[in-house]
Amino acid sequence: MAETNGLSGGQKSVLKGMAAILPTFILIELLTRLFPYTGLQRILAIPLILYINLALVAAAIFLTRKGTARSVTKLVWPVIILLTFITTIAFYPQESSPHVAAQIWSSLTALKNYNELKPEDMEKDDEETYVVALYKFRKEIPLDGDFYLYGRDDEEDEKIHTPADIPLKLYPHHRLMWRYLESSGR
């Protein structure tokens, strides 16, 4: 941690505010990479998220100014940072997919149910279960170009010719699930 004894109260507040808003920027970047299909809604959503989170951080700075009990100060910052995470995820848009929180929950559920999956699960509408089942039964997939990723037989780009094609053609957050399954040795 940097030495802050030589800083004024205002400078310390600015440093605390910058440190508290940094997780928002990191989470927005992560969400943008993993869930990029937002349409034009992202143009409005990201400034709104930043505005709300900056207001939360400003409220935290106000609540933790001099004279506030130390126990309150220690409690305020974790709560504010948690609220900025919740706000960022809650307001992050998706164009045609379910909300990001629902996709994350569905992904975790599908990964948890890995051992119970059957080959028929590759035909389900739940994309997260589909991806985990696809990974589990990847050696049973025909590689003659008759198998289409996500069942989209109208799109030539979705044909699978080699096992290496699969993770390259997955949606970004599904690719992350695939990498997790590979690294877990399943």
N, C-alpha and C. Protein backbone atom coordinates (compact mmCIF):
# COMPACT_ATOMS: atom_id res chain seq x y z
N MET A 1 0.84 -1.17 0.00
CA MET A 1 0.00 0.00 0.00
C MET A 1 0.88 1.23 0.00
N ALA A 2 0.52 2.21 -0.76
CA ALA A 2 1.31 3.43 -0.89
C ALA A 2 1.22 4.26 0.39
N GLU A 3 2.29 4.94 0.69
CA GLU A 3 2.33 5.83 1.86
C GLU A 3 1.49 7.06 1.57
N THR A 4 0.51 7.37 2.44
CA THR A 4 -0.38 8.50 2.19
C THR A 4 -0.30 9.55 3.29
N ASN A 5 0.70 9.47 4.16
CA ASN A 5 0.79 10.42 5.27
C ASN A 5 0.99 11.85 4.82
N GLY A 6 1.66 12.09 3.71
CA GLY A 6 1.93 13.44 3.25
C GLY A 6 0.79 14.04 2.44
N LEU A 7 -0.31 13.33 2.27
CA LEU A 7 -1.41 13.81 1.44
C LEU A 7 -2.44 14.53 2.29
N SER A 8 -3.10 15.50 1.68
CA SER A 8 -4.18 16.20 2.37
C SER A 8 -5.43 15.31 2.38
N GLY A 9 -6.41 15.75 3.15
CA GLY A 9 -7.65 14.97 3.24
C GLY A 9 -8.35 14.84 1.90
N GLY A 10 -8.35 15.92 1.10
CA GLY A 10 -8.97 15.88 -0.22
C GLY A 10 -8.25 14.93 -1.16
N GLN A 11 -6.92 14.93 -1.09
CA GLN A 11 -6.14 14.02 -1.95
C GLN A 11 -6.38 12.57 -1.57
N LYS A 12 -6.48 12.30 -0.27
CA LYS A 12 -6.77 10.93 0.18
C LYS A 12 -8.16 10.50 -0.30
N SER A 13 -9.11 11.41 -0.26
CA SER A 13 -10.47 11.09 -0.73
C SER A 13 -10.47 10.76 -2.22
N VAL A 14 -9.72 11.52 -2.99
CA VAL A 14 -9.63 11.27 -4.43
C VAL A 14 -9.00 9.90 -4.68
N LEU A 15 -7.93 9.57 -3.96
CA LEU A 15 -7.30 8.26 -4.11
C LEU A 15 -8.26 7.13 -3.74
N LYS A 16 -8.98 7.31 -2.64
CA LYS A 16 -9.96 6.29 -2.23
C LYS A 16 -11.05 6.14 -3.28
N GLY A 17 -11.51 7.27 -3.82
CA GLY A 17 -12.54 7.23 -4.85
C GLY A 17 -12.07 6.52 -6.11
N MET A 18 -10.84 6.81 -6.52
CA MET A 18 -10.29 6.16 -7.70
C MET A 18 -10.14 4.65 -7.47
N ALA A 19 -9.68 4.29 -6.29
CA ALA A 19 -9.53 2.87 -5.97
C ALA A 19 -10.90 2.17 -5.92
N ALA A 20 -11.91 2.89 -5.45
CA ALA A 20 -13.25 2.28 -5.34
C ALA A 20 -13.95 2.16 -6.69
N ILE A 21 -13.64 3.05 -7.63
CA ILE A 21 -14.30 2.99 -8.94
C ILE A 21 -13.57 2.05 -9.90
N LEU A 22 -12.32 1.72 -9.61
CA LEU A 22 -11.53 0.84 -10.47
C LEU A 22 -12.20 -0.52 -10.72
N PRO A 23 -12.78 -1.18 -9.69
CA PRO A 23 -13.47 -2.45 -9.98
C PRO A 23 -14.61 -2.31 -10.99
N THR A 24 -15.26 -1.15 -11.03
CA THR A 24 -16.32 -0.93 -12.02
C THR A 24 -15.75 -0.99 -13.42
N PHE A 25 -14.63 -0.31 -13.65
CA PHE A 25 -14.02 -0.32 -14.98
C PHE A 25 -13.55 -1.72 -15.36
N ILE A 26 -12.99 -2.44 -14.41
CA ILE A 26 -12.53 -3.81 -14.68
C ILE A 26 -13.71 -4.71 -15.02
N LEU A 27 -14.79 -4.59 -14.26
CA LEU A 27 -15.96 -5.43 -14.51
C LEU A 27 -16.63 -5.07 -15.84
N ILE A 28 -16.70 -3.80 -16.18
CA ILE A 28 -17.27 -3.41 -17.48
C ILE A 28 -16.43 -4.00 -18.61
N GLU A 29 -15.12 -3.94 -18.48
CA GLU A 29 -14.24 -4.52 -19.51
C GLU A 29 -14.47 -6.04 -19.62
N LEU A 30 -14.55 -6.71 -18.49
CA LEU A 30 -14.78 -8.15 -18.48
C LEU A 30 -16.14 -8.49 -19.11
N LEU A 31 -17.17 -7.77 -18.72
CA LEU A 31 -18.50 -8.03 -19.29
C LEU A 31 -18.53 -7.74 -20.79
N THR A 32 -17.84 -6.70 -21.21
CA THR A 32 -17.80 -6.37 -22.64
C THR A 32 -17.13 -7.46 -23.44
N ARG A 33 -16.10 -8.07 -22.87
CA ARG A 33 -15.40 -9.15 -23.57
C ARG A 33 -16.20 -10.46 -23.56
N LEU A 34 -16.84 -10.78 -22.44
CA LEU A 34 -17.55 -12.05 -22.32
C LEU A 34 -18.97 -12.01 -22.86
N PHE A 35 -19.61 -10.86 -22.80
CA PHE A 35 -21.00 -10.72 -23.25
C PHE A 35 -21.10 -9.51 -24.20
N PRO A 36 -20.52 -9.63 -25.40
CA PRO A 36 -20.41 -8.47 -26.28
C PRO A 36 -21.70 -8.10 -27.02
N TYR A 37 -22.70 -8.96 -27.01
CA TYR A 37 -23.89 -8.74 -27.85
C TYR A 37 -24.91 -7.87 -27.13
N THR A 38 -24.63 -6.56 -27.11
CA THR A 38 -25.48 -5.63 -26.38
C THR A 38 -26.27 -4.72 -27.30
N GLY A 39 -25.96 -4.70 -28.57
CA GLY A 39 -26.62 -3.77 -29.48
C GLY A 39 -26.25 -2.34 -29.10
N LEU A 40 -27.11 -1.43 -29.43
CA LEU A 40 -26.86 -0.02 -29.14
C LEU A 40 -27.12 0.34 -27.67
N GLN A 41 -27.69 -0.57 -26.94
CA GLN A 41 -28.00 -0.30 -25.53
C GLN A 41 -26.75 0.02 -24.72
N ARG A 42 -25.62 -0.52 -25.13
CA ARG A 42 -24.38 -0.30 -24.39
C ARG A 42 -24.00 1.18 -24.39
N ILE A 43 -24.35 1.90 -25.46
CA ILE A 43 -24.04 3.32 -25.55
C ILE A 43 -24.68 4.09 -24.39
N LEU A 44 -25.87 3.68 -24.00
CA LEU A 44 -26.55 4.33 -22.88
C LEU A 44 -26.21 3.70 -21.54
N ALA A 45 -26.05 2.39 -21.54
CA ALA A 45 -25.89 1.67 -20.27
C ALA A 45 -24.56 1.97 -19.58
N ILE A 46 -23.47 2.01 -20.30
CA ILE A 46 -22.18 2.22 -19.65
C ILE A 46 -22.07 3.59 -18.98
N PRO A 47 -22.47 4.68 -19.65
CA PRO A 47 -22.45 5.96 -18.92
C PRO A 47 -23.39 5.96 -17.70
N LEU A 48 -24.55 5.32 -17.82
CA LEU A 48 -25.47 5.23 -16.69
C LEU A 48 -24.83 4.46 -15.53
N ILE A 49 -24.19 3.35 -15.83
CA ILE A 49 -23.51 2.56 -14.81
C ILE A 49 -22.43 3.39 -14.13
N LEU A 50 -21.63 4.09 -14.93
CA LEU A 50 -20.56 4.92 -14.36
C LEU A 50 -21.12 6.04 -13.49
N TYR A 51 -22.19 6.67 -13.94
CA TYR A 51 -22.81 7.75 -13.17
C TYR A 51 -23.31 7.24 -11.82
N ILE A 52 -24.03 6.14 -11.82
CA ILE A 52 -24.56 5.58 -10.57
C ILE A 52 -23.43 5.16 -9.64
N ASN A 53 -22.42 4.49 -10.20
CA ASN A 53 -21.31 4.02 -9.37
C ASN A 53 -20.47 5.18 -8.83
N LEU A 54 -20.29 6.22 -9.63
CA LEU A 54 -19.58 7.40 -9.13
C LEU A 54 -20.38 8.06 -8.00
N ALA A 55 -21.69 8.08 -8.12
CA ALA A 55 -22.53 8.63 -7.05
C ALA A 55 -22.40 7.78 -5.78
N LEU A 56 -22.35 6.46 -5.93
CA LEU A 56 -22.16 5.59 -4.77
C LEU A 56 -20.82 5.84 -4.10
N VAL A 57 -19.78 5.98 -4.90
CA VAL A 57 -18.44 6.24 -4.36
C VAL A 57 -18.39 7.61 -3.68
N ALA A 58 -19.03 8.59 -4.29
CA ALA A 58 -19.09 9.92 -3.67
C ALA A 58 -19.82 9.86 -2.33
N ALA A 59 -20.88 9.08 -2.27
CA ALA A 59 -21.60 8.91 -1.00
C ALA A 59 -20.70 8.24 0.04
N ALA A 60 -19.89 7.28 -0.39
CA ALA A 60 -18.97 6.62 0.54
C ALA A 60 -17.92 7.60 1.05
N ILE A 61 -17.41 8.43 0.17
CA ILE A 61 -16.43 9.44 0.60
C ILE A 61 -17.07 10.37 1.62
N PHE A 62 -18.31 10.78 1.36
CA PHE A 62 -19.02 11.65 2.29
C PHE A 62 -19.24 10.96 3.64
N LEU A 63 -19.63 9.69 3.60
CA LEU A 63 -19.91 8.96 4.85
C LEU A 63 -18.65 8.66 5.66
N THR A 64 -17.51 8.62 5.01
CA THR A 64 -16.27 8.25 5.72
C THR A 64 -15.37 9.45 5.98
N ARG A 65 -15.91 10.64 5.89
CA ARG A 65 -15.09 11.83 6.14
C ARG A 65 -14.67 11.85 7.61
N LYS A 66 -13.80 12.77 7.94
CA LYS A 66 -13.28 12.87 9.31
C LYS A 66 -14.42 12.97 10.32
N GLY A 67 -14.22 12.34 11.42
CA GLY A 67 -15.23 12.39 12.47
C GLY A 67 -16.15 11.18 12.47
N THR A 68 -16.09 10.38 11.42
CA THR A 68 -16.91 9.17 11.34
C THR A 68 -16.22 8.05 12.11
N ALA A 69 -16.99 7.26 12.81
CA ALA A 69 -16.42 6.16 13.59
C ALA A 69 -15.66 5.21 12.66
N ARG A 70 -14.53 4.73 13.13
CA ARG A 70 -13.67 3.85 12.33
C ARG A 70 -14.39 2.56 11.94
N SER A 71 -15.24 2.04 12.80
CA SER A 71 -15.97 0.81 12.48
C SER A 71 -16.93 1.04 11.32
N VAL A 72 -17.52 2.23 11.23
CA VAL A 72 -18.41 2.55 10.12
C VAL A 72 -17.60 2.67 8.84
N THR A 73 -16.44 3.32 8.91
CA THR A 73 -15.57 3.50 7.75
C THR A 73 -15.15 2.15 7.17
N LYS A 74 -14.81 1.21 8.02
CA LYS A 74 -14.37 -0.11 7.55
C LYS A 74 -15.52 -0.88 6.90
N LEU A 75 -16.74 -0.60 7.30
CA LEU A 75 -17.89 -1.29 6.75
C LEU A 75 -18.38 -0.66 5.44
N VAL A 76 -18.26 0.66 5.33
CA VAL A 76 -18.81 1.38 4.19
C VAL A 76 -18.15 0.96 2.87
N TRP A 77 -16.83 0.91 2.81
CA TRP A 77 -16.15 0.64 1.54
C TRP A 77 -16.47 -0.73 0.95
N PRO A 78 -16.42 -1.81 1.72
CA PRO A 78 -16.80 -3.10 1.10
C PRO A 78 -18.26 -3.12 0.62
N VAL A 79 -19.14 -2.48 1.37
CA VAL A 79 -20.55 -2.44 0.96
C VAL A 79 -20.70 -1.63 -0.33
N ILE A 80 -20.02 -0.50 -0.43
CA ILE A 80 -20.11 0.33 -1.64
C ILE A 80 -19.53 -0.40 -2.84
N ILE A 81 -18.41 -1.06 -2.67
CA ILE A 81 -17.81 -1.79 -3.80
C ILE A 81 -18.73 -2.93 -4.24
N LEU A 82 -19.34 -3.63 -3.29
CA LEU A 82 -20.31 -4.68 -3.62
C LEU A 82 -21.49 -4.08 -4.38
N LEU A 83 -21.98 -2.93 -3.93
CA LEU A 83 -23.09 -2.27 -4.63
C LEU A 83 -22.70 -1.85 -6.05
N THR A 84 -21.45 -1.43 -6.25
CA THR A 84 -21.03 -1.07 -7.61
C THR A 84 -20.97 -2.30 -8.51
N PHE A 85 -20.56 -3.45 -7.95
CA PHE A 85 -20.59 -4.70 -8.72
C PHE A 85 -22.02 -5.05 -9.12
N ILE A 86 -22.92 -4.99 -8.15
CA ILE A 86 -24.32 -5.34 -8.41
C ILE A 86 -24.92 -4.39 -9.44
N THR A 87 -24.65 -3.10 -9.30
CA THR A 87 -25.16 -2.11 -10.25
C THR A 87 -24.62 -2.37 -11.65
N THR A 88 -23.35 -2.65 -11.76
CA THR A 88 -22.74 -2.88 -13.06
C THR A 88 -23.38 -4.08 -13.75
N ILE A 89 -23.53 -5.17 -13.02
CA ILE A 89 -24.13 -6.37 -13.61
C ILE A 89 -25.62 -6.16 -13.90
N ALA A 90 -26.32 -5.52 -12.99
CA ALA A 90 -27.77 -5.32 -13.17
C ALA A 90 -28.10 -4.45 -14.38
N PHE A 91 -27.29 -3.43 -14.65
CA PHE A 91 -27.59 -2.52 -15.74
C PHE A 91 -26.90 -2.87 -17.05
N TYR A 92 -26.05 -3.91 -17.05
CA TYR A 92 -25.36 -4.29 -18.28
C TYR A 92 -26.36 -4.95 -19.22
N PRO A 93 -26.51 -4.44 -20.44
CA PRO A 93 -27.58 -4.94 -21.33
C PRO A 93 -27.16 -6.17 -22.15
N GLN A 94 -28.17 -6.85 -22.64
CA GLN A 94 -28.01 -7.92 -23.62
C GLN A 94 -29.07 -7.72 -24.67
N GLU A 95 -28.68 -7.86 -25.93
CA GLU A 95 -29.61 -7.57 -27.03
C GLU A 95 -30.71 -8.63 -27.13
N SER A 96 -30.33 -9.88 -27.32
CA SER A 96 -31.35 -10.92 -27.52
C SER A 96 -31.20 -12.08 -26.55
N SER A 97 -30.12 -12.14 -25.83
CA SER A 97 -29.89 -13.23 -24.87
C SER A 97 -30.52 -12.86 -23.53
N PRO A 98 -30.65 -13.84 -22.64
CA PRO A 98 -31.12 -13.51 -21.29
C PRO A 98 -30.14 -12.55 -20.60
N HIS A 99 -30.57 -11.98 -19.50
CA HIS A 99 -29.72 -11.05 -18.75
C HIS A 99 -28.41 -11.74 -18.37
N VAL A 100 -27.35 -10.95 -18.23
CA VAL A 100 -26.03 -11.47 -17.90
C VAL A 100 -26.06 -12.31 -16.62
N ALA A 101 -26.77 -11.85 -15.60
CA ALA A 101 -26.85 -12.59 -14.34
C ALA A 101 -27.48 -13.97 -14.57
N ALA A 102 -28.52 -14.01 -15.40
CA ALA A 102 -29.16 -15.30 -15.70
C ALA A 102 -28.21 -16.22 -16.46
N GLN A 103 -27.43 -15.66 -17.38
CA GLN A 103 -26.47 -16.47 -18.13
C GLN A 103 -25.37 -17.01 -17.22
N ILE A 104 -24.90 -16.17 -16.31
CA ILE A 104 -23.86 -16.61 -15.37
C ILE A 104 -24.41 -17.72 -14.49
N TRP A 105 -25.62 -17.54 -13.97
CA TRP A 105 -26.24 -18.55 -13.12
C TRP A 105 -26.45 -19.86 -13.89
N SER A 106 -26.92 -19.75 -15.11
CA SER A 106 -27.13 -20.94 -15.94
C SER A 106 -25.81 -21.64 -16.23
N SER A 107 -24.76 -20.86 -16.45
CA SER A 107 -23.43 -21.45 -16.70
C SER A 107 -22.94 -22.23 -15.49
N LEU A 108 -23.07 -21.62 -14.31
CA LEU A 108 -22.63 -22.30 -13.08
C LEU A 108 -23.44 -23.56 -12.82
N THR A 109 -24.74 -23.51 -13.08
CA THR A 109 -25.60 -24.69 -12.90
C THR A 109 -25.21 -25.79 -13.87
N ALA A 110 -24.97 -25.42 -15.13
CA ALA A 110 -24.57 -26.43 -16.13
C ALA A 110 -23.24 -27.07 -15.76
N LEU A 111 -22.28 -26.27 -15.32
CA LEU A 111 -20.98 -26.82 -14.92
C LEU A 111 -21.13 -27.74 -13.71
N LYS A 112 -21.99 -27.36 -12.78
CA LYS A 112 -22.22 -28.17 -11.58
C LYS A 112 -22.86 -29.52 -11.94
N ASN A 113 -23.71 -29.53 -12.97
CA ASN A 113 -24.43 -30.75 -13.36
C ASN A 113 -23.70 -31.56 -14.44
N TYR A 114 -22.43 -31.33 -14.59
CA TYR A 114 -21.62 -31.99 -15.64
C TYR A 114 -21.82 -33.51 -15.64
N ASN A 115 -21.72 -34.13 -14.49
CA ASN A 115 -21.78 -35.60 -14.42
C ASN A 115 -23.14 -36.16 -14.78
N GLU A 116 -24.20 -35.37 -14.65
CA GLU A 116 -25.55 -35.85 -14.94
C GLU A 116 -25.96 -35.68 -16.40
N LEU A 117 -25.14 -35.01 -17.19
CA LEU A 117 -25.52 -34.71 -18.57
C LEU A 117 -25.50 -35.96 -19.44
N LYS A 118 -26.42 -35.96 -20.42
CA LYS A 118 -26.54 -37.06 -21.38
C LYS A 118 -26.38 -36.49 -22.79
N PRO A 119 -26.11 -37.32 -23.78
CA PRO A 119 -25.95 -36.80 -25.15
C PRO A 119 -27.16 -36.00 -25.64
N GLU A 120 -28.35 -36.33 -25.16
CA GLU A 120 -29.56 -35.60 -25.57
C GLU A 120 -29.52 -34.13 -25.14
N ASP A 121 -28.70 -33.83 -24.14
CA ASP A 121 -28.62 -32.45 -23.66
C ASP A 121 -27.98 -31.52 -24.69
N MET A 122 -27.36 -32.09 -25.72
CA MET A 122 -26.80 -31.25 -26.78
C MET A 122 -27.91 -30.71 -27.68
N GLU A 123 -29.13 -31.16 -27.46
CA GLU A 123 -30.26 -30.69 -28.25
C GLU A 123 -31.14 -29.72 -27.48
N LYS A 124 -30.74 -29.36 -26.26
CA LYS A 124 -31.55 -28.46 -25.43
C LYS A 124 -31.43 -27.01 -25.90
N ASP A 125 -32.42 -26.22 -25.54
CA ASP A 125 -32.41 -24.80 -25.86
C ASP A 125 -31.50 -24.00 -24.93
N ASP A 126 -31.25 -24.52 -23.74
CA ASP A 126 -30.37 -23.84 -22.79
C ASP A 126 -28.94 -23.92 -23.30
N GLU A 127 -28.41 -22.80 -23.77
CA GLU A 127 -27.10 -22.79 -24.43
C GLU A 127 -25.97 -23.20 -23.50
N GLU A 128 -26.06 -22.87 -22.22
CA GLU A 128 -24.99 -23.21 -21.30
C GLU A 128 -24.93 -24.71 -21.07
N THR A 129 -26.09 -25.35 -20.90
CA THR A 129 -26.14 -26.81 -20.77
C THR A 129 -25.65 -27.45 -22.07
N TYR A 130 -26.03 -26.87 -23.20
CA TYR A 130 -25.60 -27.35 -24.51
C TYR A 130 -24.07 -27.36 -24.60
N VAL A 131 -23.44 -26.27 -24.17
CA VAL A 131 -21.98 -26.15 -24.28
C VAL A 131 -21.28 -27.17 -23.40
N VAL A 132 -21.77 -27.36 -22.17
CA VAL A 132 -21.15 -28.33 -21.27
C VAL A 132 -21.36 -29.75 -21.81
N ALA A 133 -22.54 -30.05 -22.33
CA ALA A 133 -22.79 -31.36 -22.94
C ALA A 133 -21.93 -31.55 -24.18
N LEU A 134 -21.78 -30.49 -24.95
CA LEU A 134 -20.92 -30.53 -26.14
C LEU A 134 -19.49 -30.88 -25.75
N TYR A 135 -19.01 -30.29 -24.67
CA TYR A 135 -17.66 -30.61 -24.20
C TYR A 135 -17.58 -32.07 -23.74
N LYS A 136 -18.56 -32.49 -22.97
CA LYS A 136 -18.54 -33.84 -22.40
C LYS A 136 -18.57 -34.91 -23.51
N PHE A 137 -19.34 -34.66 -24.56
CA PHE A 137 -19.51 -35.66 -25.62
C PHE A 137 -18.83 -35.23 -26.93
N ARG A 138 -17.78 -34.43 -26.83
CA ARG A 138 -17.10 -33.89 -28.01
C ARG A 138 -16.49 -34.97 -28.89
N LYS A 139 -16.14 -36.11 -28.32
CA LYS A 139 -15.53 -37.19 -29.11
C LYS A 139 -16.57 -37.95 -29.92
N GLU A 140 -17.85 -37.73 -29.62
CA GLU A 140 -18.93 -38.40 -30.35
C GLU A 140 -19.49 -37.54 -31.48
N ILE A 141 -18.98 -36.35 -31.65
CA ILE A 141 -19.49 -35.42 -32.67
C ILE A 141 -18.93 -35.83 -34.03
N PRO A 142 -19.80 -35.97 -35.04
CA PRO A 142 -19.30 -36.28 -36.39
C PRO A 142 -18.49 -35.10 -36.93
N LEU A 143 -17.32 -35.40 -37.49
CA LEU A 143 -16.43 -34.35 -37.98
C LEU A 143 -16.42 -34.26 -39.51
N ASP A 144 -17.52 -34.71 -40.12
CA ASP A 144 -17.61 -34.69 -41.58
C ASP A 144 -18.29 -33.43 -42.10
N GLY A 145 -18.53 -32.45 -41.22
CA GLY A 145 -19.18 -31.21 -41.64
C GLY A 145 -20.69 -31.26 -41.51
N ASP A 146 -21.23 -32.36 -40.97
CA ASP A 146 -22.68 -32.47 -40.79
C ASP A 146 -23.14 -31.90 -39.45
N PHE A 147 -22.21 -31.64 -38.56
CA PHE A 147 -22.58 -31.12 -37.23
C PHE A 147 -22.37 -29.61 -37.22
N TYR A 148 -23.41 -28.90 -36.82
CA TYR A 148 -23.36 -27.44 -36.76
C TYR A 148 -23.42 -26.99 -35.31
N LEU A 149 -22.55 -26.07 -34.96
CA LEU A 149 -22.51 -25.53 -33.61
C LEU A 149 -23.81 -24.78 -33.31
N TYR A 150 -24.32 -24.95 -32.14
CA TYR A 150 -25.57 -24.34 -31.68
C TYR A 150 -26.77 -24.78 -32.54
N GLY A 151 -26.61 -25.85 -33.32
CA GLY A 151 -27.70 -26.36 -34.14
C GLY A 151 -28.09 -25.44 -35.28
N ARG A 152 -27.23 -24.53 -35.66
CA ARG A 152 -27.54 -23.55 -36.71
C ARG A 152 -27.08 -24.08 -38.07
N ASP A 153 -27.88 -24.94 -38.65
CA ASP A 153 -27.49 -25.55 -39.91
C ASP A 153 -27.65 -24.61 -41.10
N ASP A 154 -28.14 -23.40 -40.87
CA ASP A 154 -28.26 -22.45 -41.96
C ASP A 154 -27.02 -21.55 -42.08
N GLU A 155 -26.08 -21.71 -41.17
CA GLU A 155 -24.88 -20.89 -41.19
C GLU A 155 -23.66 -21.76 -41.48
N GLU A 156 -23.03 -21.52 -42.60
CA GLU A 156 -21.87 -22.30 -43.03
C GLU A 156 -20.72 -22.21 -42.05
N ASP A 157 -20.56 -21.05 -41.40
CA ASP A 157 -19.45 -20.84 -40.46
C ASP A 157 -19.57 -21.72 -39.22
N GLU A 158 -20.73 -22.25 -38.95
CA GLU A 158 -20.95 -23.03 -37.73
C GLU A 158 -20.64 -24.52 -37.91
N LYS A 159 -20.20 -24.95 -39.10
CA LYS A 159 -19.86 -26.36 -39.32
C LYS A 159 -18.61 -26.73 -38.52
N ILE A 160 -18.62 -27.94 -37.98
CA ILE A 160 -17.49 -28.44 -37.21
C ILE A 160 -16.79 -29.52 -38.04
N HIS A 161 -15.49 -29.28 -38.33
CA HIS A 161 -14.69 -30.24 -39.09
C HIS A 161 -13.62 -30.90 -38.24
N THR A 162 -13.17 -30.20 -37.19
CA THR A 162 -12.18 -30.76 -36.26
C THR A 162 -12.58 -30.38 -34.85
N PRO A 163 -12.12 -31.14 -33.85
CA PRO A 163 -12.43 -30.77 -32.46
C PRO A 163 -11.91 -29.37 -32.10
N ALA A 164 -10.85 -28.94 -32.75
CA ALA A 164 -10.28 -27.61 -32.46
C ALA A 164 -11.20 -26.49 -32.95
N ASP A 165 -12.12 -26.79 -33.87
CA ASP A 165 -13.07 -25.79 -34.36
C ASP A 165 -14.04 -25.34 -33.28
N ILE A 166 -14.36 -26.24 -32.37
CA ILE A 166 -15.44 -25.97 -31.41
C ILE A 166 -15.16 -24.75 -30.53
N PRO A 167 -14.06 -24.73 -29.74
CA PRO A 167 -13.89 -23.56 -28.87
C PRO A 167 -13.71 -22.25 -29.63
N LEU A 168 -13.18 -22.31 -30.83
CA LEU A 168 -12.97 -21.09 -31.61
C LEU A 168 -14.29 -20.46 -32.06
N LYS A 169 -15.33 -21.28 -32.20
CA LYS A 169 -16.61 -20.78 -32.72
C LYS A 169 -17.64 -20.54 -31.62
N LEU A 170 -17.27 -20.76 -30.38
CA LEU A 170 -18.20 -20.53 -29.27
C LEU A 170 -18.32 -19.05 -28.96
N TYR A 171 -19.45 -18.67 -28.36
CA TYR A 171 -19.60 -17.31 -27.85
C TYR A 171 -18.54 -17.11 -26.77
N PRO A 172 -18.13 -15.88 -26.52
CA PRO A 172 -17.03 -15.64 -25.58
C PRO A 172 -17.21 -16.25 -24.19
N HIS A 173 -18.39 -16.10 -23.57
CA HIS A 173 -18.52 -16.68 -22.23
C HIS A 173 -18.62 -18.20 -22.27
N HIS A 174 -19.08 -18.75 -23.39
CA HIS A 174 -19.08 -20.20 -23.55
C HIS A 174 -17.65 -20.72 -23.75
N ARG A 175 -16.82 -19.92 -24.43
CA ARG A 175 -15.41 -20.26 -24.59
C ARG A 175 -14.73 -20.32 -23.23
N LEU A 176 -15.08 -19.40 -22.35
CA LEU A 176 -14.53 -19.40 -21.00
C LEU A 176 -14.95 -20.67 -20.26
N MET A 177 -16.20 -21.09 -20.41
CA MET A 177 -16.67 -22.34 -19.80
C MET A 177 -15.87 -23.52 -20.35
N TRP A 178 -15.65 -23.53 -21.65
CA TRP A 178 -14.91 -24.61 -22.31
C TRP A 178 -13.49 -24.70 -21.75
N ARG A 179 -12.85 -23.52 -21.62
CA ARG A 179 -11.48 -23.49 -21.07
C ARG A 179 -11.46 -23.98 -19.63
N TYR A 180 -12.48 -23.61 -18.87
CA TYR A 180 -12.57 -24.10 -17.49
C TYR A 180 -12.65 -25.63 -17.47
N LEU A 181 -13.50 -26.18 -18.32
CA LEU A 181 -13.66 -27.64 -18.38
C LEU A 181 -12.35 -28.30 -18.81
N GLU A 182 -11.66 -27.72 -19.77
CA GLU A 182 -10.36 -28.27 -20.18
C GLU A 182 -9.34 -28.23 -19.04
N SER A 183 -9.30 -27.11 -18.33
CA SER A 183 -8.30 -26.98 -17.26
C SER A 183 -8.64 -27.81 -16.04
N SER A 184 -9.91 -28.17 -15.89
CA SER A 184 -10.29 -29.00 -14.73
C SER A 184 -10.01 -30.48 -14.98
N GLY A 185 -9.59 -30.81 -16.21
CA GLY A 185 -9.21 -32.19 -16.51
C GLY A 185 -10.37 -33.13 -16.70
N ARG A 186 -11.51 -32.61 -17.03
CA ARG A 186 -12.69 -33.48 -17.24
C ARG A 186 -12.66 -34.08 -18.60
